[in-house]
Amino acid sequence: MPLPQRAFYTVQEAALRWECSLSDLAGWAAVGKLEIVAALRPVVQQGQVHAGFVAVPAADIMGLFDGGAAETGSLKLCRFRAADGDDWTLIETPDKCVHLRLADLKITVEEMQRFESEHGLMRRLAANSGAPSRHNWEGLLAFLIQRVHVEGVPATQGEWIAVAQDWFAQNSEGGEIPDESTIRRRLGPIWKSLQAAA
């Protein structure tokens, strides 16, 4: 039996998929064009328990995208919107606020599909995917996310590109590696955003 469709994309995966920067995603979310969600541990507000995935106000977490959380790598989330709600709920007790990192921010598959349809990205993605990609970009991205989680953000973009080249050399059929300019175009915006937040 095939696996079900995935439920979420990370914001890093969305940026790579749409070939945009993390700052672009934050901007679209801030003006209401895109919804970013995060997991909320159980919080009691006015006698009601809130938990699970909730919408995150982009204005409150902009520092995760522009380097404002450079010292801690996280920001406090003190308000949220339930998935089926219209109003923001304030977490009134400061010690109950949730610490979020960039990796905690997700976009649901339904939201990805809505955004892509609304902005004509489906046509662009389809045009770009006529033939199977020669290179396993998804596999590389998964490796890079894990590497950054364990080892941190590389100090230079050159090192970031070299890590990608090494991964392709070891994991591509015949050791085929994309040219450096292609890797830089695809991964450069992600490195810059990670460097700003590191």
C-alpha atoms as a PDB file:
ATOM      1  CA  MET A   1       0.000   0.000   0.000  1.00  0.00           C
ATOM      2  CA  PRO A   2       1.449   3.410  -0.955  1.00  0.00           C
ATOM      3  CA  LEU A   3       2.207   5.939   1.741  1.00  0.00           C
ATOM      4  CA  PRO A   4      -0.339   8.757   2.183  1.00  0.00           C
ATOM      5  CA  GLN A   5       0.408  12.228   0.876  1.00  0.00           C
ATOM      6  CA  ARG A   6       2.648  14.227   3.177  1.00  0.00           C
ATOM      7  CA  ALA A   7       0.890  16.653   5.504  1.00  0.00           C
ATOM      8  CA  PHE A   8       3.380  19.524   5.776  1.00  0.00           C
ATOM      9  CA  TYR A   9       6.327  21.217   4.119  1.00  0.00           C
ATOM     10  CA  THR A  10       8.930  23.119   6.104  1.00  0.00           C
ATOM     11  CA  VAL A  11       9.362  26.747   5.116  1.00  0.00           C
ATOM     12  CA  GLN A  12      12.841  25.820   3.842  1.00  0.00           C
ATOM     13  CA  GLU A  13      11.343  23.164   1.545  1.00  0.00           C
ATOM     14  CA  ALA A  14       8.727  25.638   0.287  1.00  0.00           C
ATOM     15  CA  ALA A  15      11.422  28.218  -0.515  1.00  0.00           C
ATOM     16  CA  LEU A  16      13.405  25.625  -2.449  1.00  0.00           C
ATOM     17  CA  ARG A  17      10.299  24.391  -4.284  1.00  0.00           C
ATOM     18  CA  TRP A  18       9.251  27.903  -5.299  1.00  0.00           C
ATOM     19  CA  GLU A  19      12.821  29.161  -5.876  1.00  0.00           C
ATOM     20  CA  CYS A  20      12.310  32.129  -3.567  1.00  0.00           C
ATOM     21  CA  SER A  21      13.896  33.351  -0.347  1.00  0.00           C
ATOM     22  CA  LEU A  22      12.687  32.713   3.180  1.00  0.00           C
ATOM     23  CA  SER A  23      12.195  36.475   3.476  1.00  0.00           C
ATOM     24  CA  ASP A  24       9.742  36.282   0.555  1.00  0.00           C
ATOM     25  CA  LEU A  25       7.741  33.629   2.422  1.00  0.00           C
ATOM     26  CA  ALA A  26       7.719  35.735   5.575  1.00  0.00           C
ATOM     27  CA  GLY A  27       6.537  38.771   3.631  1.00  0.00           C
ATOM     28  CA  TRP A  28       3.706  36.882   1.953  1.00  0.00           C
ATOM     29  CA  ALA A  29       2.630  35.472   5.309  1.00  0.00           C
ATOM     30  CA  ALA A  30       2.799  38.937   6.920  1.00  0.00           C
ATOM     31  CA  VAL A  31       0.378  40.402   4.379  1.00  0.00           C
ATOM     32  CA  GLY A  32      -2.022  37.455   4.568  1.00  0.00           C
ATOM     33  CA  LYS A  33      -1.175  35.698   1.311  1.00  0.00           C
ATOM     34  CA  LEU A  34       0.254  32.567   2.981  1.00  0.00           C
ATOM     35  CA  GLU A  35      -0.418  30.817   6.289  1.00  0.00           C
ATOM     36  CA  ILE A  36       2.422  29.431   8.370  1.00  0.00           C
ATOM     37  CA  VAL A  37       1.652  26.941  11.131  1.00  0.00           C
ATOM     38  CA  ALA A  38       3.516  25.405  14.067  1.00  0.00           C
ATOM     39  CA  ALA A  39       2.816  22.736  16.666  1.00  0.00           C
ATOM     40  CA  LEU A  40       1.507  24.083  19.965  1.00  0.00           C
ATOM     41  CA  ARG A  41       1.925  22.112  23.172  1.00  0.00           C
ATOM     42  CA  PRO A  42      -1.225  22.155  25.344  1.00  0.00           C
ATOM     43  CA  VAL A  43      -1.933  25.649  26.639  1.00  0.00           C
ATOM     44  CA  VAL A  44      -4.900  26.567  28.848  1.00  0.00           C
ATOM     45  CA  GLN A  45      -6.420  29.965  28.105  1.00  0.00           C
ATOM     46  CA  GLN A  46      -9.677  31.107  29.728  1.00  0.00           C
ATOM     47  CA  GLY A  47     -10.474  27.554  30.745  1.00  0.00           C
ATOM     48  CA  GLN A  48     -10.027  26.164  27.230  1.00  0.00           C
ATOM     49  CA  VAL A  49      -7.218  23.818  26.176  1.00  0.00           C
ATOM     50  CA  HIS A  50      -5.464  24.667  22.914  1.00  0.00           C
ATOM     51  CA  ALA A  51      -3.026  22.232  21.280  1.00  0.00           C
ATOM     52  CA  GLY A  52      -1.892  20.894  17.923  1.00  0.00           C
ATOM     53  CA  PHE A  53      -1.064  22.811  14.784  1.00  0.00           C
ATOM     54  CA  VAL A  54      -2.052  26.462  14.897  1.00  0.00           C
ATOM     55  CA  ALA A  55      -1.578  29.458  12.636  1.00  0.00           C
ATOM     56  CA  VAL A  56       1.371  31.660  13.575  1.00  0.00           C
ATOM     57  CA  PRO A  57       1.290  35.463  13.092  1.00  0.00           C
ATOM     58  CA  ALA A  58       4.170  36.193  10.735  1.00  0.00           C
ATOM     59  CA  ALA A  59       4.752  39.648  12.209  1.00  0.00           C
ATOM     60  CA  ASP A  60       5.596  38.039  15.567  1.00  0.00           C
ATOM     61  CA  ILE A  61       8.248  35.706  14.143  1.00  0.00           C
ATOM     62  CA  MET A  62       9.929  37.882  11.505  1.00  0.00           C
ATOM     63  CA  GLY A  63      13.145  37.684  13.513  1.00  0.00           C
ATOM     64  CA  LEU A  64      13.470  34.007  12.595  1.00  0.00           C
ATOM     65  CA  PHE A  65      13.709  35.026   8.938  1.00  0.00           C
ATOM     66  CA  ASP A  66      15.901  38.114   9.220  1.00  0.00           C
ATOM     67  CA  GLY A  67      18.400  37.113  11.879  1.00  0.00           C
ATOM     68  CA  GLY A  68      16.704  38.730  14.876  1.00  0.00           C
ATOM     69  CA  ALA A  69      16.940  35.435  16.769  1.00  0.00           C
ATOM     70  CA  ALA A  70      20.654  35.081  16.074  1.00  0.00           C
ATOM     71  CA  GLU A  71      21.623  34.726  19.727  1.00  0.00           C
ATOM     72  CA  THR A  72      19.131  32.045  20.742  1.00  0.00           C
ATOM     73  CA  GLY A  73      17.988  30.590  17.425  1.00  0.00           C
ATOM     74  CA  SER A  74      14.399  30.866  18.639  1.00  0.00           C
ATOM     75  CA  LEU A  75      11.655  33.364  19.388  1.00  0.00           C
ATOM     76  CA  LYS A  76       8.713  33.262  21.775  1.00  0.00           C
ATOM     77  CA  LEU A  77       5.274  32.726  20.278  1.00  0.00           C
ATOM     78  CA  CYS A  78       2.747  34.435  22.523  1.00  0.00           C
ATOM     79  CA  ARG A  79      -0.321  34.384  20.291  1.00  0.00           C
ATOM     80  CA  PHE A  80      -1.820  31.995  17.773  1.00  0.00           C
ATOM     81  CA  ARG A  81      -4.994  31.255  15.836  1.00  0.00           C
ATOM     82  CA  ALA A  82      -6.741  27.905  16.006  1.00  0.00           C
ATOM     83  CA  ALA A  83      -7.043  26.093  12.673  1.00  0.00           C
ATOM     84  CA  ASP A  84     -10.815  26.584  12.625  1.00  0.00           C
ATOM     85  CA  GLY A  85     -10.829  30.055  14.194  1.00  0.00           C
ATOM     86  CA  ASP A  86     -10.757  33.643  13.005  1.00  0.00           C
ATOM     87  CA  ASP A  87      -9.346  35.436  16.046  1.00  0.00           C
ATOM     88  CA  TRP A  88      -5.871  35.452  17.572  1.00  0.00           C
ATOM     89  CA  THR A  89      -5.546  33.975  21.068  1.00  0.00           C
ATOM     90  CA  LEU A  90      -3.034  35.647  23.368  1.00  0.00           C
ATOM     91  CA  ILE A  91      -0.993  33.449  25.724  1.00  0.00           C
ATOM     92  CA  GLU A  92      -1.272  35.694  28.762  1.00  0.00           C
ATOM     93  CA  THR A  93       1.248  33.914  30.995  1.00  0.00           C
ATOM     94  CA  PRO A  94       4.778  34.597  29.682  1.00  0.00           C
ATOM     95  CA  ASP A  95       6.191  31.283  30.886  1.00  0.00           C
ATOM     96  CA  LYS A  96       3.571  29.464  28.788  1.00  0.00           C
ATOM     97  CA  CYS A  97       4.745  31.101  25.549  1.00  0.00           C
ATOM     98  CA  VAL A  98       6.190  28.642  23.058  1.00  0.00           C
ATOM     99  CA  HIS A  99       9.780  28.883  21.801  1.00  0.00           C
ATOM    100  CA  LEU A 100       9.881  28.472  18.012  1.00  0.00           C
ATOM    101  CA  ARG A 101      12.836  27.841  15.715  1.00  0.00           C
ATOM    102  CA  LEU A 102      12.831  28.236  11.952  1.00  0.00           C
ATOM    103  CA  ALA A 103      12.635  24.445  11.587  1.00  0.00           C
ATOM    104  CA  ASP A 104       9.348  24.442  13.564  1.00  0.00           C
ATOM    105  CA  LEU A 105       7.546  26.522  10.942  1.00  0.00           C
ATOM    106  CA  LYS A 106       5.441  24.533   8.478  1.00  0.00           C
ATOM    107  CA  ILE A 107       3.054  25.054   5.583  1.00  0.00           C
ATOM    108  CA  THR A 108       0.265  22.518   5.149  1.00  0.00           C
ATOM    109  CA  VAL A 109      -0.006  20.681   1.836  1.00  0.00           C
ATOM    110  CA  GLU A 110      -3.480  22.173   1.348  1.00  0.00           C
ATOM    111  CA  GLU A 111      -2.077  25.673   1.839  1.00  0.00           C
ATOM    112  CA  MET A 112       0.815  24.930  -0.544  1.00  0.00           C
ATOM    113  CA  GLN A 113      -1.629  23.753  -3.198  1.00  0.00           C
ATOM    114  CA  ARG A 114      -3.919  26.773  -2.701  1.00  0.00           C
ATOM    115  CA  PHE A 115      -1.007  29.212  -2.930  1.00  0.00           C
ATOM    116  CA  GLU A 116       0.450  27.513  -6.015  1.00  0.00           C
ATOM    117  CA  SER A 117      -2.919  27.472  -7.753  1.00  0.00           C
ATOM    118  CA  GLU A 118      -3.725  31.082  -6.880  1.00  0.00           C
ATOM    119  CA  HIS A 119      -0.370  32.377  -8.141  1.00  0.00           C
ATOM    120  CA  GLY A 120       0.055  30.172 -11.207  1.00  0.00           C
ATOM    121  CA  LEU A 121       2.908  28.175  -9.715  1.00  0.00           C
ATOM    122  CA  MET A 122       1.361  24.864 -10.738  1.00  0.00           C
ATOM    123  CA  ARG A 123       1.896  25.749 -14.390  1.00  0.00           C
ATOM    124  CA  ARG A 124       5.505  26.739 -13.733  1.00  0.00           C
ATOM    125  CA  LEU A 125       6.233  23.638 -11.662  1.00  0.00           C
ATOM    126  CA  ALA A 126       4.613  21.434 -14.308  1.00  0.00           C
ATOM    127  CA  ALA A 127       6.621  23.118 -17.064  1.00  0.00           C
ATOM    128  CA  ASN A 128       9.808  22.557 -15.115  1.00  0.00           C
ATOM    129  CA  SER A 129       9.001  18.921 -14.429  1.00  0.00           C
ATOM    130  CA  GLY A 130       8.346  17.639 -17.966  1.00  0.00           C
ATOM    131  CA  ALA A 131      11.256  15.249 -17.685  1.00  0.00           C
ATOM    132  CA  PRO A 132      12.436  13.756 -14.418  1.00  0.00           C
ATOM    133  CA  SER A 133      15.128  15.826 -12.772  1.00  0.00           C
ATOM    134  CA  ARG A 134      18.652  14.563 -13.432  1.00  0.00           C
ATOM    135  CA  HIS A 135      19.562  15.316  -9.855  1.00  0.00           C
ATOM    136  CA  ASN A 136      18.000  14.358  -6.521  1.00  0.00           C
ATOM    137  CA  TRP A 137      17.420  17.851  -5.087  1.00  0.00           C
ATOM    138  CA  GLU A 138      14.903  16.573  -2.529  1.00  0.00           C
ATOM    139  CA  GLY A 139      17.444  14.074  -1.198  1.00  0.00           C
ATOM    140  CA  LEU A 140      20.081  16.800  -0.995  1.00  0.00           C
ATOM    141  CA  LEU A 141      17.700  19.123   0.855  1.00  0.00           C
ATOM    142  CA  ALA A 142      16.850  16.411   3.391  1.00  0.00           C
ATOM    143  CA  PHE A 143      20.567  15.819   3.962  1.00  0.00           C
ATOM    144  CA  LEU A 144      21.307  19.549   4.338  1.00  0.00           C
ATOM    145  CA  ILE A 145      18.483  20.039   6.853  1.00  0.00           C
ATOM    146  CA  GLN A 146      19.825  17.180   8.950  1.00  0.00           C
ATOM    147  CA  ARG A 147      23.408  18.448   8.642  1.00  0.00           C
ATOM    148  CA  VAL A 148      22.460  21.979   9.728  1.00  0.00           C
ATOM    149  CA  HIS A 149      20.522  20.533  12.658  1.00  0.00           C
ATOM    150  CA  VAL A 150      23.548  18.509  13.814  1.00  0.00           C
ATOM    151  CA  GLU A 151      26.536  20.651  12.774  1.00  0.00           C
ATOM    152  CA  GLY A 152      25.101  24.136  12.349  1.00  0.00           C
ATOM    153  CA  VAL A 153      25.205  26.497   9.374  1.00  0.00           C
ATOM    154  CA  PRO A 154      28.419  26.455   7.302  1.00  0.00           C
ATOM    155  CA  ALA A 155      30.520  29.588   7.766  1.00  0.00           C
ATOM    156  CA  THR A 156      30.769  30.388   4.053  1.00  0.00           C
ATOM    157  CA  GLN A 157      28.608  29.908   1.003  1.00  0.00           C
ATOM    158  CA  GLY A 158      31.562  28.159  -0.657  1.00  0.00           C
ATOM    159  CA  GLU A 159      31.531  25.527   2.086  1.00  0.00           C
ATOM    160  CA  TRP A 160      27.732  25.173   1.678  1.00  0.00           C
ATOM    161  CA  ILE A 161      28.171  24.561  -2.070  1.00  0.00           C
ATOM    162  CA  ALA A 162      31.054  22.123  -1.459  1.00  0.00           C
ATOM    163  CA  VAL A 163      28.907  20.090   0.946  1.00  0.00           C
ATOM    164  CA  ALA A 164      26.221  19.848  -1.750  1.00  0.00           C
ATOM    165  CA  GLN A 165      28.765  18.840  -4.390  1.00  0.00           C
ATOM    166  CA  ASP A 166      30.182  16.132  -2.108  1.00  0.00           C
ATOM    167  CA  TRP A 167      26.677  14.792  -1.448  1.00  0.00           C
ATOM    168  CA  PHE A 168      25.918  14.574  -5.182  1.00  0.00           C
ATOM    169  CA  ALA A 169      29.270  12.890  -5.837  1.00  0.00           C
ATOM    170  CA  GLN A 170      28.484  10.210  -3.280  1.00  0.00           C
ATOM    171  CA  ASN A 171      24.769   9.760  -3.981  1.00  0.00           C
ATOM    172  CA  SER A 172      24.250  10.373  -7.707  1.00  0.00           C
ATOM    173  CA  GLU A 173      24.250   7.610 -10.261  1.00  0.00           C
ATOM    174  CA  GLY A 174      27.704   7.687 -11.809  1.00  0.00           C
ATOM    175  CA  GLY A 175      28.711  10.477  -9.410  1.00  0.00           C
ATOM    176  CA  GLU A 176      27.149  13.134 -11.648  1.00  0.00           C
ATOM    177  CA  ILE A 177      27.243  16.591 -10.050  1.00  0.00           C
ATOM    178  CA  PRO A 178      25.226  19.666 -11.124  1.00  0.00           C
ATOM    179  CA  ASP A 179      27.349  22.622 -12.151  1.00  0.00           C
ATOM    180  CA  GLU A 180      28.248  25.054  -9.392  1.00  0.00           C
ATOM    181  CA  SER A 181      26.114  27.899 -10.754  1.00  0.00           C
ATOM    182  CA  THR A 182      23.000  25.688 -10.646  1.00  0.00           C
ATOM    183  CA  ILE A 183      23.719  24.642  -7.061  1.00  0.00           C
ATOM    184  CA  ARG A 184      24.394  28.259  -6.095  1.00  0.00           C
ATOM    185  CA  ARG A 185      21.144  29.455  -7.710  1.00  0.00           C
ATOM    186  CA  ARG A 186      19.083  26.806  -5.909  1.00  0.00           C
ATOM    187  CA  LEU A 187      20.795  26.808  -2.525  1.00  0.00           C
ATOM    188  CA  GLY A 188      22.238  30.322  -2.225  1.00  0.00           C
ATOM    189  CA  PRO A 189      19.038  31.988  -0.933  1.00  0.00           C
ATOM    190  CA  ILE A 190      18.601  29.240   1.672  1.00  0.00           C
ATOM    191  CA  TRP A 191      22.197  29.593   2.881  1.00  0.00           C
ATOM    192  CA  LYS A 192      21.838  33.376   3.180  1.00  0.00           C
ATOM    193  CA  SER A 193      18.657  33.034   5.232  1.00  0.00           C
ATOM    194  CA  LEU A 194      20.209  30.386   7.485  1.00  0.00           C
ATOM    195  CA  GLN A 195      23.382  32.458   7.879  1.00  0.00           C
ATOM    196  CA  ALA A 196      21.347  35.446   8.982  1.00  0.00           C
ATOM    197  CA  ALA A 197      19.582  33.368  11.645  1.00  0.00           C
ATOM    198  CA  ALA A 198      22.663  31.436  12.824  1.00  0.00           C
END
